[in-house]
């Protein structure tokens, strides 16, 4: 999952030799607050709704990009133990917490370090049945949003699907008041439903149904 910092100037960008990222909670010291904070914003309901639409089956291979502290990845594995789950995030401290969470739940999840706009699965084109993005996409820089979607399309099987839950742009009425207060307009301004669907279409996705599932 993405950072929930109020604005980029208040969050320390971290360097890892490949690129920059914001720590999962905006600051490393605040990581322990991340899970309860996302829950306050309705994260549990959003994840459940996302999972309910995916029609996962035994043998499916699933990728959760921007997995952060691993809540969605662990939920998927607990709900569907017969599914292979991979979580990806650039923040090593968040990934360590995600691994601890999986260990406590007694489930096996593969957690990888990497960026969504350059997925580290170069020999695994068309290898995932489902790709998830939960409360992450609005923190992807504008220039990298299309690259991220192209990478998702690359690793998805021809009959696979991409499932996203996120905050909408400032003009989307579905975005809650609290979310708008916490996330700056700079983060949300390019994250309207219309804009995201246009980027998806341009990246080779086709719309599956009227609720926006691709």
N, C-alpha and C. Protein backbone atom coordinates (compact mmCIF):
# COMPACT_ATOMS: atom_id res chain seq x y z
N UNK A 1 0.83 -1.19 0.00
CA UNK A 1 0.00 0.00 0.00
C UNK A 1 0.87 1.25 0.00
N UNK A 2 0.26 2.35 -0.39
CA UNK A 2 1.03 3.58 -0.54
C UNK A 2 1.17 4.33 0.77
N UNK A 3 1.96 5.38 0.77
CA UNK A 3 2.06 6.24 1.93
C UNK A 3 0.74 6.99 2.13
N UNK A 4 0.48 7.45 3.37
CA UNK A 4 -0.70 8.27 3.57
C UNK A 4 -0.32 9.67 4.02
N UNK A 5 0.92 10.08 3.73
CA UNK A 5 1.37 11.41 4.14
C UNK A 5 0.54 12.48 3.46
N UNK A 6 0.45 13.64 4.12
CA UNK A 6 -0.41 14.71 3.63
C UNK A 6 0.11 15.32 2.34
N UNK A 7 1.39 15.50 2.24
CA UNK A 7 1.94 16.12 1.04
C UNK A 7 3.37 15.69 0.88
N UNK A 8 3.84 15.72 -0.39
CA UNK A 8 5.17 15.26 -0.70
C UNK A 8 6.25 15.98 0.10
N UNK A 9 6.07 17.29 0.37
CA UNK A 9 7.09 18.04 1.09
C UNK A 9 7.24 17.57 2.52
N UNK A 10 6.22 16.92 3.06
CA UNK A 10 6.27 16.46 4.43
C UNK A 10 6.75 15.02 4.54
N UNK A 11 6.99 14.38 3.43
CA UNK A 11 7.39 12.97 3.43
C UNK A 11 8.77 12.83 2.82
N UNK A 12 9.61 12.08 3.47
CA UNK A 12 10.97 11.90 3.01
C UNK A 12 11.02 10.86 1.90
N UNK A 13 11.49 11.26 0.75
CA UNK A 13 11.67 10.31 -0.34
C UNK A 13 12.92 9.49 -0.07
N UNK A 14 12.81 8.19 -0.25
CA UNK A 14 13.92 7.29 0.03
C UNK A 14 14.55 6.83 -1.28
N UNK A 15 15.86 6.68 -1.26
CA UNK A 15 16.59 6.19 -2.42
C UNK A 15 17.00 4.75 -2.17
N UNK A 16 16.86 3.90 -3.18
CA UNK A 16 17.32 2.52 -3.01
C UNK A 16 18.22 2.06 -4.14
N UNK A 17 18.72 3.00 -4.94
CA UNK A 17 19.60 2.63 -6.05
C UNK A 17 18.85 2.42 -7.34
N UNK A 18 17.54 2.21 -7.28
CA UNK A 18 16.73 2.03 -8.48
C UNK A 18 15.81 3.21 -8.72
N UNK A 19 15.40 3.88 -7.65
CA UNK A 19 14.47 4.98 -7.78
C UNK A 19 14.12 5.50 -6.40
N UNK A 20 13.13 6.36 -6.33
CA UNK A 20 12.71 6.91 -5.06
C UNK A 20 11.31 6.42 -4.72
N UNK A 21 11.03 6.37 -3.43
CA UNK A 21 9.71 5.98 -2.97
C UNK A 21 9.45 6.67 -1.64
N UNK A 22 8.19 6.78 -1.29
CA UNK A 22 7.82 7.26 0.03
C UNK A 22 7.63 6.06 0.94
N UNK A 23 8.16 6.11 2.16
CA UNK A 23 7.92 5.00 3.09
C UNK A 23 6.43 4.75 3.25
N UNK A 24 6.07 3.54 3.58
CA UNK A 24 4.67 3.12 3.57
C UNK A 24 3.78 4.01 4.42
N UNK A 25 4.31 4.62 5.48
CA UNK A 25 3.51 5.49 6.33
C UNK A 25 3.93 6.95 6.20
N UNK A 26 4.65 7.29 5.13
CA UNK A 26 5.13 8.64 4.96
C UNK A 26 6.49 8.84 5.60
N UNK A 27 6.67 8.25 6.79
CA UNK A 27 7.94 8.27 7.52
C UNK A 27 8.15 6.89 8.13
N UNK A 28 9.39 6.45 8.20
CA UNK A 28 9.67 5.13 8.77
C UNK A 28 9.16 5.00 10.20
N UNK A 29 9.31 6.08 10.98
CA UNK A 29 8.92 6.00 12.39
C UNK A 29 7.41 5.82 12.56
N UNK A 30 6.63 6.17 11.55
CA UNK A 30 5.17 6.10 11.66
C UNK A 30 4.59 4.81 11.09
N UNK A 31 5.45 3.86 10.72
CA UNK A 31 4.96 2.65 10.06
C UNK A 31 3.95 1.89 10.92
N UNK A 32 4.15 1.90 12.25
CA UNK A 32 3.23 1.17 13.13
C UNK A 32 1.82 1.75 13.10
N UNK A 33 1.67 3.00 12.63
CA UNK A 33 0.36 3.64 12.56
C UNK A 33 -0.37 3.35 11.26
N UNK A 34 0.36 2.79 10.31
CA UNK A 34 -0.20 2.68 8.96
C UNK A 34 -1.46 1.82 8.90
N UNK A 35 -1.40 0.61 9.44
CA UNK A 35 -2.54 -0.30 9.35
C UNK A 35 -3.79 0.26 10.02
N UNK A 36 -3.71 0.76 11.27
CA UNK A 36 -4.93 1.32 11.87
C UNK A 36 -5.45 2.54 11.14
N UNK A 37 -4.54 3.31 10.54
CA UNK A 37 -4.96 4.51 9.82
C UNK A 37 -5.73 4.14 8.56
N UNK A 38 -5.21 3.18 7.80
CA UNK A 38 -5.90 2.75 6.57
C UNK A 38 -7.25 2.12 6.92
N UNK A 39 -7.30 1.41 8.03
CA UNK A 39 -8.57 0.84 8.47
C UNK A 39 -9.58 1.94 8.75
N UNK A 40 -9.13 3.03 9.36
CA UNK A 40 -10.00 4.17 9.63
C UNK A 40 -10.56 4.77 8.35
N UNK A 41 -9.77 4.72 7.29
CA UNK A 41 -10.21 5.27 6.00
C UNK A 41 -11.11 4.30 5.22
N UNK A 42 -11.42 3.15 5.79
CA UNK A 42 -12.29 2.20 5.11
C UNK A 42 -11.55 1.16 4.31
N UNK A 43 -10.27 0.95 4.64
CA UNK A 43 -9.46 0.01 3.88
C UNK A 43 -9.98 -1.41 3.90
N UNK A 44 -10.48 -1.86 5.05
CA UNK A 44 -10.97 -3.23 5.16
C UNK A 44 -12.13 -3.49 4.20
N UNK A 45 -13.07 -2.55 4.16
CA UNK A 45 -14.23 -2.71 3.27
C UNK A 45 -13.81 -2.68 1.81
N UNK A 46 -12.86 -1.79 1.49
CA UNK A 46 -12.40 -1.67 0.10
C UNK A 46 -11.70 -2.95 -0.35
N UNK A 47 -10.88 -3.52 0.53
CA UNK A 47 -10.18 -4.76 0.18
C UNK A 47 -11.16 -5.91 -0.02
N UNK A 48 -12.15 -6.00 0.85
CA UNK A 48 -13.13 -7.07 0.74
C UNK A 48 -13.91 -6.94 -0.56
N UNK A 49 -14.33 -5.71 -0.89
CA UNK A 49 -15.06 -5.49 -2.14
C UNK A 49 -14.20 -5.84 -3.35
N UNK A 50 -12.92 -5.51 -3.26
CA UNK A 50 -11.99 -5.81 -4.36
C UNK A 50 -11.86 -7.32 -4.53
N UNK A 51 -11.71 -8.01 -3.43
CA UNK A 51 -11.52 -9.46 -3.48
C UNK A 51 -12.78 -10.18 -3.96
N UNK A 52 -13.94 -9.67 -3.56
CA UNK A 52 -15.20 -10.32 -3.91
C UNK A 52 -15.47 -10.34 -5.42
N UNK A 53 -14.86 -9.42 -6.16
CA UNK A 53 -15.15 -9.32 -7.59
C UNK A 53 -14.20 -10.15 -8.47
N UNK A 54 -13.24 -10.83 -7.86
CA UNK A 54 -12.15 -11.38 -8.67
C UNK A 54 -12.33 -12.80 -9.16
N UNK A 55 -13.26 -13.56 -8.58
CA UNK A 55 -13.51 -14.94 -9.01
C UNK A 55 -12.22 -15.77 -9.04
N UNK A 56 -11.49 -15.73 -7.94
CA UNK A 56 -10.25 -16.50 -7.85
C UNK A 56 -10.54 -18.00 -7.82
N UNK A 57 -9.66 -18.76 -8.47
CA UNK A 57 -9.82 -20.21 -8.52
C UNK A 57 -8.52 -20.89 -8.16
N UNK A 58 -8.63 -22.16 -7.80
CA UNK A 58 -7.45 -22.95 -7.45
C UNK A 58 -6.44 -22.91 -8.58
N UNK A 59 -5.18 -22.68 -8.23
CA UNK A 59 -4.13 -22.64 -9.23
C UNK A 59 -3.84 -21.26 -9.79
N UNK A 60 -4.67 -20.29 -9.47
CA UNK A 60 -4.42 -18.93 -9.94
C UNK A 60 -3.14 -18.37 -9.29
N UNK A 61 -2.48 -17.50 -10.03
CA UNK A 61 -1.29 -16.80 -9.54
C UNK A 61 -1.63 -15.31 -9.47
N UNK A 62 -1.41 -14.71 -8.31
CA UNK A 62 -1.90 -13.36 -8.03
C UNK A 62 -0.73 -12.46 -7.66
N UNK A 63 -0.77 -11.21 -8.15
CA UNK A 63 0.24 -10.21 -7.81
C UNK A 63 -0.45 -9.00 -7.18
N UNK A 64 0.05 -8.57 -6.02
CA UNK A 64 -0.44 -7.36 -5.35
C UNK A 64 0.66 -6.31 -5.43
N UNK A 65 0.49 -5.32 -6.31
CA UNK A 65 1.51 -4.28 -6.47
C UNK A 65 1.30 -3.19 -5.42
N UNK A 66 2.40 -2.69 -4.87
CA UNK A 66 2.30 -1.72 -3.79
C UNK A 66 1.68 -2.36 -2.56
N UNK A 67 2.12 -3.55 -2.22
CA UNK A 67 1.46 -4.33 -1.16
C UNK A 67 1.70 -3.75 0.22
N UNK A 68 2.69 -2.89 0.39
CA UNK A 68 2.94 -2.27 1.68
C UNK A 68 3.13 -3.28 2.79
N UNK A 69 2.33 -3.18 3.85
CA UNK A 69 2.47 -4.06 5.01
C UNK A 69 1.76 -5.39 4.83
N UNK A 70 1.27 -5.66 3.63
CA UNK A 70 0.83 -7.01 3.28
C UNK A 70 -0.59 -7.40 3.67
N UNK A 71 -1.42 -6.44 4.07
CA UNK A 71 -2.75 -6.80 4.54
C UNK A 71 -3.58 -7.48 3.46
N UNK A 72 -3.60 -6.92 2.25
CA UNK A 72 -4.40 -7.51 1.18
C UNK A 72 -3.81 -8.85 0.75
N UNK A 73 -2.50 -8.92 0.59
CA UNK A 73 -1.86 -10.17 0.17
C UNK A 73 -2.17 -11.31 1.15
N UNK A 74 -2.10 -11.01 2.44
CA UNK A 74 -2.40 -12.03 3.45
C UNK A 74 -3.88 -12.38 3.42
N UNK A 75 -4.74 -11.39 3.26
CA UNK A 75 -6.18 -11.65 3.16
C UNK A 75 -6.49 -12.58 1.99
N UNK A 76 -5.87 -12.33 0.84
CA UNK A 76 -6.10 -13.18 -0.33
C UNK A 76 -5.69 -14.62 -0.03
N UNK A 77 -4.51 -14.78 0.57
CA UNK A 77 -4.01 -16.13 0.83
C UNK A 77 -4.86 -16.84 1.88
N UNK A 78 -5.32 -16.11 2.89
CA UNK A 78 -6.16 -16.74 3.91
C UNK A 78 -7.51 -17.14 3.33
N UNK A 79 -8.05 -16.31 2.44
CA UNK A 79 -9.36 -16.58 1.84
C UNK A 79 -9.28 -17.64 0.76
N UNK A 80 -8.12 -17.72 0.09
CA UNK A 80 -7.94 -18.65 -1.02
C UNK A 80 -6.58 -19.34 -0.88
N UNK A 81 -6.45 -20.28 0.06
CA UNK A 81 -5.14 -20.92 0.30
C UNK A 81 -4.59 -21.66 -0.91
N UNK A 82 -5.46 -21.98 -1.88
CA UNK A 82 -5.02 -22.70 -3.07
C UNK A 82 -4.44 -21.79 -4.14
N UNK A 83 -4.42 -20.48 -3.88
CA UNK A 83 -3.91 -19.49 -4.83
C UNK A 83 -2.49 -19.08 -4.44
N UNK A 84 -1.62 -18.94 -5.43
CA UNK A 84 -0.26 -18.44 -5.19
C UNK A 84 -0.29 -16.92 -5.15
N UNK A 85 0.24 -16.32 -4.09
CA UNK A 85 0.17 -14.87 -3.90
C UNK A 85 1.57 -14.28 -3.83
N UNK A 86 1.78 -13.22 -4.61
CA UNK A 86 3.04 -12.48 -4.63
C UNK A 86 2.73 -11.02 -4.30
N UNK A 87 3.45 -10.44 -3.35
CA UNK A 87 3.31 -9.04 -3.02
C UNK A 87 4.56 -8.27 -3.40
N UNK A 88 4.39 -7.07 -3.93
CA UNK A 88 5.52 -6.26 -4.40
C UNK A 88 5.45 -4.86 -3.79
N UNK A 89 6.59 -4.37 -3.29
CA UNK A 89 6.66 -3.01 -2.74
C UNK A 89 8.13 -2.59 -2.73
N UNK A 90 8.40 -1.27 -2.87
CA UNK A 90 9.79 -0.82 -2.83
C UNK A 90 10.33 -0.59 -1.43
N UNK A 91 9.45 -0.59 -0.42
CA UNK A 91 9.84 -0.23 0.94
C UNK A 91 10.23 -1.47 1.73
N UNK A 92 11.52 -1.66 2.04
CA UNK A 92 11.96 -2.89 2.73
C UNK A 92 11.38 -3.02 4.13
N UNK A 93 11.17 -1.91 4.82
CA UNK A 93 10.61 -1.98 6.17
C UNK A 93 9.16 -2.43 6.13
N UNK A 94 8.40 -1.95 5.13
CA UNK A 94 7.02 -2.39 4.97
C UNK A 94 6.97 -3.87 4.62
N UNK A 95 7.89 -4.30 3.78
CA UNK A 95 7.93 -5.71 3.39
C UNK A 95 8.28 -6.61 4.58
N UNK A 96 9.16 -6.13 5.46
CA UNK A 96 9.49 -6.90 6.66
C UNK A 96 8.26 -7.06 7.54
N UNK A 97 7.48 -6.00 7.66
CA UNK A 97 6.24 -6.08 8.45
C UNK A 97 5.24 -7.00 7.76
N UNK A 98 5.19 -6.96 6.43
CA UNK A 98 4.29 -7.83 5.69
C UNK A 98 4.64 -9.30 5.92
N UNK A 99 5.94 -9.61 5.91
CA UNK A 99 6.36 -10.99 6.15
C UNK A 99 6.00 -11.45 7.55
N UNK A 100 6.16 -10.56 8.53
CA UNK A 100 5.76 -10.89 9.89
C UNK A 100 4.26 -11.16 9.97
N UNK A 101 3.50 -10.36 9.26
CA UNK A 101 2.04 -10.53 9.26
C UNK A 101 1.66 -11.88 8.65
N UNK A 102 2.32 -12.25 7.56
CA UNK A 102 2.04 -13.55 6.93
C UNK A 102 2.45 -14.69 7.85
N UNK A 103 3.59 -14.54 8.53
CA UNK A 103 4.04 -15.59 9.44
C UNK A 103 3.05 -15.77 10.59
N UNK A 104 2.55 -14.67 11.13
CA UNK A 104 1.58 -14.76 12.23
C UNK A 104 0.29 -15.43 11.77
N UNK A 105 -0.09 -15.17 10.51
CA UNK A 105 -1.32 -15.76 9.97
C UNK A 105 -1.12 -17.20 9.53
N UNK A 106 0.12 -17.66 9.50
CA UNK A 106 0.41 -19.02 9.10
C UNK A 106 0.19 -19.28 7.63
N UNK A 107 0.43 -18.25 6.79
CA UNK A 107 0.25 -18.41 5.35
C UNK A 107 1.56 -18.12 4.63
N UNK A 108 1.69 -18.68 3.44
CA UNK A 108 2.89 -18.49 2.63
C UNK A 108 2.62 -17.48 1.51
N UNK A 109 3.28 -16.34 1.59
CA UNK A 109 3.18 -15.29 0.57
C UNK A 109 4.59 -14.90 0.17
N UNK A 110 4.82 -14.77 -1.11
CA UNK A 110 6.13 -14.32 -1.62
C UNK A 110 6.13 -12.80 -1.67
N UNK A 111 7.04 -12.16 -0.94
CA UNK A 111 7.14 -10.71 -0.95
C UNK A 111 8.42 -10.30 -1.66
N UNK A 112 8.27 -9.46 -2.68
CA UNK A 112 9.41 -9.02 -3.49
C UNK A 112 9.57 -7.51 -3.40
N UNK A 113 10.80 -7.06 -3.50
CA UNK A 113 11.10 -5.63 -3.49
C UNK A 113 11.19 -5.14 -4.93
N UNK A 114 10.44 -4.08 -5.25
CA UNK A 114 10.48 -3.55 -6.60
C UNK A 114 9.46 -2.46 -6.80
N UNK A 115 9.51 -1.86 -7.98
CA UNK A 115 8.64 -0.74 -8.34
C UNK A 115 7.57 -1.18 -9.33
N UNK A 116 6.41 -0.55 -9.23
CA UNK A 116 5.28 -0.95 -10.08
C UNK A 116 5.50 -0.60 -11.54
N UNK A 117 6.31 0.44 -11.83
CA UNK A 117 6.51 0.84 -13.22
C UNK A 117 7.65 0.07 -13.88
N UNK A 118 8.27 -0.84 -13.13
CA UNK A 118 9.33 -1.70 -13.68
C UNK A 118 9.31 -3.01 -12.91
N UNK A 119 8.29 -3.81 -13.17
CA UNK A 119 8.09 -5.03 -12.40
C UNK A 119 9.27 -5.98 -12.59
N UNK A 120 9.80 -6.54 -11.50
CA UNK A 120 10.99 -7.38 -11.60
C UNK A 120 10.68 -8.81 -12.03
N UNK A 121 9.81 -8.93 -13.02
CA UNK A 121 9.40 -10.25 -13.51
C UNK A 121 9.61 -10.27 -15.03
N UNK A 122 10.86 -10.07 -15.42
CA UNK A 122 11.18 -9.88 -16.83
C UNK A 122 11.03 -11.16 -17.65
N UNK A 123 11.09 -12.29 -17.00
CA UNK A 123 10.92 -13.55 -17.72
C UNK A 123 9.55 -14.17 -17.45
N UNK A 124 8.64 -13.35 -16.93
CA UNK A 124 7.33 -13.87 -16.54
C UNK A 124 6.19 -13.10 -17.20
N UNK A 125 6.37 -12.76 -18.48
CA UNK A 125 5.27 -12.13 -19.22
C UNK A 125 4.06 -13.07 -19.21
N UNK A 126 2.87 -12.46 -19.09
CA UNK A 126 1.62 -13.22 -19.14
C UNK A 126 1.62 -14.41 -18.17
N UNK A 127 2.04 -14.16 -16.93
CA UNK A 127 2.16 -15.25 -15.96
C UNK A 127 1.23 -15.12 -14.77
N UNK A 128 0.55 -13.97 -14.61
CA UNK A 128 -0.36 -13.78 -13.49
C UNK A 128 -1.81 -13.78 -13.96
N UNK A 129 -2.67 -14.44 -13.18
CA UNK A 129 -4.10 -14.48 -13.50
C UNK A 129 -4.83 -13.24 -13.01
N UNK A 130 -4.37 -12.66 -11.91
CA UNK A 130 -4.97 -11.45 -11.35
C UNK A 130 -3.86 -10.54 -10.84
N UNK A 131 -4.05 -9.23 -11.04
CA UNK A 131 -3.17 -8.24 -10.44
C UNK A 131 -4.04 -7.28 -9.64
N UNK A 132 -3.62 -6.98 -8.41
CA UNK A 132 -4.35 -6.08 -7.53
C UNK A 132 -3.55 -4.80 -7.29
N UNK A 133 -4.29 -3.71 -7.08
CA UNK A 133 -3.70 -2.45 -6.64
C UNK A 133 -4.67 -1.85 -5.64
N UNK A 134 -4.25 -1.76 -4.37
CA UNK A 134 -5.15 -1.29 -3.31
C UNK A 134 -4.60 -0.02 -2.67
N UNK A 135 -5.27 1.09 -2.89
CA UNK A 135 -4.91 2.38 -2.31
C UNK A 135 -3.46 2.77 -2.61
N UNK A 136 -3.00 2.43 -3.79
CA UNK A 136 -1.62 2.69 -4.18
C UNK A 136 -1.49 3.65 -5.35
N UNK A 137 -2.39 3.57 -6.32
CA UNK A 137 -2.17 4.20 -7.61
C UNK A 137 -2.10 5.73 -7.52
N UNK A 138 -2.80 6.32 -6.56
CA UNK A 138 -2.77 7.78 -6.47
C UNK A 138 -1.41 8.31 -6.04
N UNK A 139 -0.56 7.46 -5.49
CA UNK A 139 0.78 7.89 -5.10
C UNK A 139 1.83 7.62 -6.17
N UNK A 140 1.44 7.00 -7.27
CA UNK A 140 2.37 6.81 -8.38
C UNK A 140 2.50 8.15 -9.11
N UNK A 141 3.72 8.65 -9.34
CA UNK A 141 3.89 9.91 -10.07
C UNK A 141 3.17 9.86 -11.42
N UNK A 142 2.66 11.01 -11.84
CA UNK A 142 1.89 11.08 -13.08
C UNK A 142 2.63 10.44 -14.24
N UNK A 143 3.93 10.70 -14.33
CA UNK A 143 4.71 10.18 -15.46
C UNK A 143 4.84 8.67 -15.43
N UNK A 144 4.62 8.06 -14.24
CA UNK A 144 4.80 6.61 -14.12
C UNK A 144 3.50 5.82 -14.11
N UNK A 145 2.37 6.51 -14.10
CA UNK A 145 1.09 5.80 -14.06
C UNK A 145 0.90 4.92 -15.30
N UNK A 146 1.15 5.47 -16.47
CA UNK A 146 0.98 4.69 -17.69
C UNK A 146 1.99 3.55 -17.76
N UNK A 147 3.22 3.80 -17.30
CA UNK A 147 4.23 2.73 -17.28
C UNK A 147 3.78 1.60 -16.36
N UNK A 148 3.21 1.96 -15.22
CA UNK A 148 2.72 0.95 -14.29
C UNK A 148 1.65 0.09 -14.95
N UNK A 149 0.69 0.73 -15.60
CA UNK A 149 -0.38 -0.02 -16.25
C UNK A 149 0.14 -0.89 -17.39
N UNK A 150 1.14 -0.41 -18.12
CA UNK A 150 1.72 -1.20 -19.19
C UNK A 150 2.44 -2.43 -18.62
N UNK A 151 3.09 -2.25 -17.47
CA UNK A 151 3.75 -3.37 -16.82
C UNK A 151 2.75 -4.39 -16.31
N UNK A 152 1.65 -3.90 -15.74
CA UNK A 152 0.59 -4.81 -15.30
C UNK A 152 0.06 -5.61 -16.48
N UNK A 153 -0.18 -4.93 -17.58
CA UNK A 153 -0.70 -5.60 -18.77
C UNK A 153 0.29 -6.65 -19.27
N UNK A 154 1.58 -6.35 -19.16
CA UNK A 154 2.62 -7.27 -19.64
C UNK A 154 2.60 -8.59 -18.87
N UNK A 155 2.43 -8.51 -17.55
CA UNK A 155 2.54 -9.73 -16.75
C UNK A 155 1.22 -10.47 -16.61
N UNK A 156 0.11 -9.86 -17.05
CA UNK A 156 -1.19 -10.52 -16.99
C UNK A 156 -1.36 -11.53 -18.12
N UNK A 157 -1.99 -12.64 -17.81
CA UNK A 157 -2.38 -13.58 -18.85
C UNK A 157 -3.45 -12.96 -19.72
N UNK A 158 -3.62 -13.52 -20.92
CA UNK A 158 -4.59 -12.96 -21.87
C UNK A 158 -6.01 -12.96 -21.32
N UNK A 159 -6.32 -13.92 -20.44
CA UNK A 159 -7.65 -13.97 -19.84
C UNK A 159 -7.63 -13.48 -18.39
N UNK A 160 -6.55 -12.81 -17.99
CA UNK A 160 -6.43 -12.29 -16.64
C UNK A 160 -7.16 -10.97 -16.47
N UNK A 161 -7.14 -10.44 -15.24
CA UNK A 161 -7.82 -9.18 -14.97
C UNK A 161 -7.09 -8.38 -13.90
N UNK A 162 -7.26 -7.08 -13.97
CA UNK A 162 -6.62 -6.12 -13.06
C UNK A 162 -7.71 -5.49 -12.21
N UNK A 163 -7.48 -5.46 -10.89
CA UNK A 163 -8.50 -4.98 -9.95
C UNK A 163 -7.90 -3.90 -9.06
N UNK A 164 -8.49 -2.70 -9.10
CA UNK A 164 -7.95 -1.55 -8.38
C UNK A 164 -9.00 -0.96 -7.45
N UNK A 165 -8.55 -0.60 -6.25
CA UNK A 165 -9.33 0.22 -5.34
C UNK A 165 -8.46 1.40 -4.95
N UNK A 166 -9.01 2.61 -5.04
CA UNK A 166 -8.19 3.79 -4.77
C UNK A 166 -9.08 4.98 -4.44
N UNK A 167 -8.44 6.04 -3.98
CA UNK A 167 -9.12 7.31 -3.80
C UNK A 167 -9.30 7.97 -5.16
N UNK A 168 -10.45 8.61 -5.36
CA UNK A 168 -10.67 9.34 -6.60
C UNK A 168 -10.05 10.72 -6.55
N UNK A 169 -10.11 11.42 -7.67
CA UNK A 169 -9.61 12.78 -7.74
C UNK A 169 -10.48 13.73 -6.94
N UNK A 170 -10.04 14.98 -6.80
CA UNK A 170 -10.78 15.94 -5.97
C UNK A 170 -12.19 16.21 -6.47
N UNK A 171 -12.47 15.93 -7.73
CA UNK A 171 -13.81 16.17 -8.27
C UNK A 171 -14.71 14.95 -8.19
N UNK A 172 -14.17 13.82 -7.74
CA UNK A 172 -14.98 12.61 -7.61
C UNK A 172 -15.71 12.62 -6.28
N UNK A 173 -17.02 12.61 -6.31
CA UNK A 173 -17.81 12.71 -5.09
C UNK A 173 -17.68 11.47 -4.21
N UNK A 174 -17.19 10.37 -4.79
CA UNK A 174 -17.06 9.14 -4.00
C UNK A 174 -15.87 9.20 -3.05
N UNK A 175 -14.98 10.17 -3.25
CA UNK A 175 -13.83 10.30 -2.36
C UNK A 175 -14.28 10.93 -1.05
N UNK A 176 -14.04 10.27 0.06
CA UNK A 176 -14.49 10.75 1.36
C UNK A 176 -13.80 12.02 1.79
N UNK A 177 -14.49 12.75 2.70
CA UNK A 177 -13.96 14.00 3.21
C UNK A 177 -12.63 13.79 3.91
N UNK A 178 -12.54 12.73 4.74
CA UNK A 178 -11.32 12.48 5.48
C UNK A 178 -10.16 12.18 4.54
N UNK A 179 -10.43 11.41 3.49
CA UNK A 179 -9.37 11.09 2.54
C UNK A 179 -8.85 12.34 1.86
N UNK A 180 -9.78 13.25 1.53
CA UNK A 180 -9.35 14.49 0.87
C UNK A 180 -8.53 15.36 1.81
N UNK A 181 -8.87 15.32 3.09
CA UNK A 181 -8.13 16.11 4.07
C UNK A 181 -6.70 15.58 4.25
N UNK A 182 -6.56 14.26 4.20
CA UNK A 182 -5.27 13.64 4.46
C UNK A 182 -4.39 13.62 3.23
N UNK A 183 -4.99 13.36 2.08
CA UNK A 183 -4.23 13.32 0.83
C UNK A 183 -4.34 14.65 0.13
N UNK A 184 -3.21 15.21 -0.24
CA UNK A 184 -3.22 16.52 -0.88
C UNK A 184 -3.80 16.43 -2.28
N UNK A 185 -4.29 17.56 -2.77
CA UNK A 185 -4.78 17.61 -4.15
C UNK A 185 -3.70 17.25 -5.14
N UNK A 186 -2.44 17.49 -4.77
CA UNK A 186 -1.34 17.14 -5.66
C UNK A 186 -1.32 15.64 -5.92
N UNK A 187 -1.64 14.85 -4.88
CA UNK A 187 -1.67 13.41 -5.04
C UNK A 187 -2.90 12.94 -5.79
N UNK A 188 -4.03 13.63 -5.58
CA UNK A 188 -5.30 13.13 -6.09
C UNK A 188 -5.73 13.75 -7.42
N UNK A 189 -5.10 14.85 -7.82
CA UNK A 189 -5.62 15.62 -8.94
C UNK A 189 -5.67 14.84 -10.24
N UNK A 190 -4.75 13.88 -10.41
CA UNK A 190 -4.70 13.11 -11.65
C UNK A 190 -5.27 11.71 -11.45
N UNK A 191 -6.13 11.55 -10.45
CA UNK A 191 -6.60 10.22 -10.10
C UNK A 191 -8.11 10.07 -10.23
N UNK A 192 -8.71 10.84 -11.13
CA UNK A 192 -10.15 10.70 -11.35
C UNK A 192 -10.43 9.38 -12.04
N UNK A 193 -11.65 8.88 -11.84
CA UNK A 193 -12.05 7.63 -12.48
C UNK A 193 -11.90 7.74 -14.00
N UNK A 194 -12.35 8.85 -14.56
CA UNK A 194 -12.27 9.05 -16.01
C UNK A 194 -10.83 8.98 -16.51
N UNK A 195 -9.94 9.63 -15.79
CA UNK A 195 -8.54 9.66 -16.18
C UNK A 195 -7.91 8.27 -16.09
N UNK A 196 -8.19 7.56 -15.00
CA UNK A 196 -7.62 6.22 -14.83
C UNK A 196 -8.12 5.26 -15.90
N UNK A 197 -9.42 5.31 -16.18
CA UNK A 197 -9.98 4.42 -17.21
C UNK A 197 -9.39 4.73 -18.58
N UNK A 198 -9.12 6.01 -18.84
CA UNK A 198 -8.50 6.38 -20.11
C UNK A 198 -7.07 5.82 -20.20
N UNK A 199 -6.34 5.91 -19.11
CA UNK A 199 -4.98 5.36 -19.09
C UNK A 199 -5.00 3.85 -19.26
N UNK A 200 -5.98 3.19 -18.63
CA UNK A 200 -6.09 1.75 -18.77
C UNK A 200 -6.39 1.35 -20.21
N UNK A 201 -7.31 2.07 -20.82
CA UNK A 201 -7.66 1.77 -22.20
C UNK A 201 -6.45 1.95 -23.11
N UNK A 202 -5.69 3.03 -22.87
CA UNK A 202 -4.51 3.28 -23.68
C UNK A 202 -3.40 2.27 -23.46
N UNK A 203 -3.46 1.56 -22.34
CA UNK A 203 -2.44 0.55 -22.03
C UNK A 203 -2.85 -0.85 -22.47
N UNK A 204 -3.99 -0.96 -23.14
CA UNK A 204 -4.39 -2.25 -23.70
C UNK A 204 -5.43 -3.01 -22.91
N UNK A 205 -5.98 -2.40 -21.83
CA UNK A 205 -7.05 -3.06 -21.09
C UNK A 205 -8.39 -2.84 -21.78
N UNK A 206 -9.30 -3.76 -21.60
CA UNK A 206 -10.67 -3.56 -22.07
C UNK A 206 -11.61 -3.66 -20.89
N UNK A 207 -12.69 -2.92 -20.96
CA UNK A 207 -13.63 -2.87 -19.85
C UNK A 207 -14.49 -4.13 -19.84
N UNK A 208 -14.61 -4.73 -18.66
CA UNK A 208 -15.34 -5.99 -18.54
C UNK A 208 -16.81 -5.77 -18.25
N UNK A 209 -17.14 -4.76 -17.41
CA UNK A 209 -18.54 -4.53 -17.06
C UNK A 209 -18.75 -3.08 -16.70
N UNK A 210 -19.96 -2.73 -16.35
CA UNK A 210 -20.32 -1.34 -16.14
C UNK A 210 -19.78 -0.73 -14.86
N UNK A 211 -19.27 -1.54 -13.93
CA UNK A 211 -18.77 -0.96 -12.69
C UNK A 211 -17.29 -0.62 -12.76
N UNK A 212 -16.71 -0.77 -13.94
CA UNK A 212 -15.33 -0.34 -14.12
C UNK A 212 -14.30 -1.44 -14.04
N UNK A 213 -14.72 -2.66 -13.75
CA UNK A 213 -13.76 -3.76 -13.72
C UNK A 213 -13.18 -3.95 -15.11
N UNK A 214 -11.85 -4.16 -15.17
CA UNK A 214 -11.19 -4.31 -16.47
C UNK A 214 -10.67 -5.72 -16.64
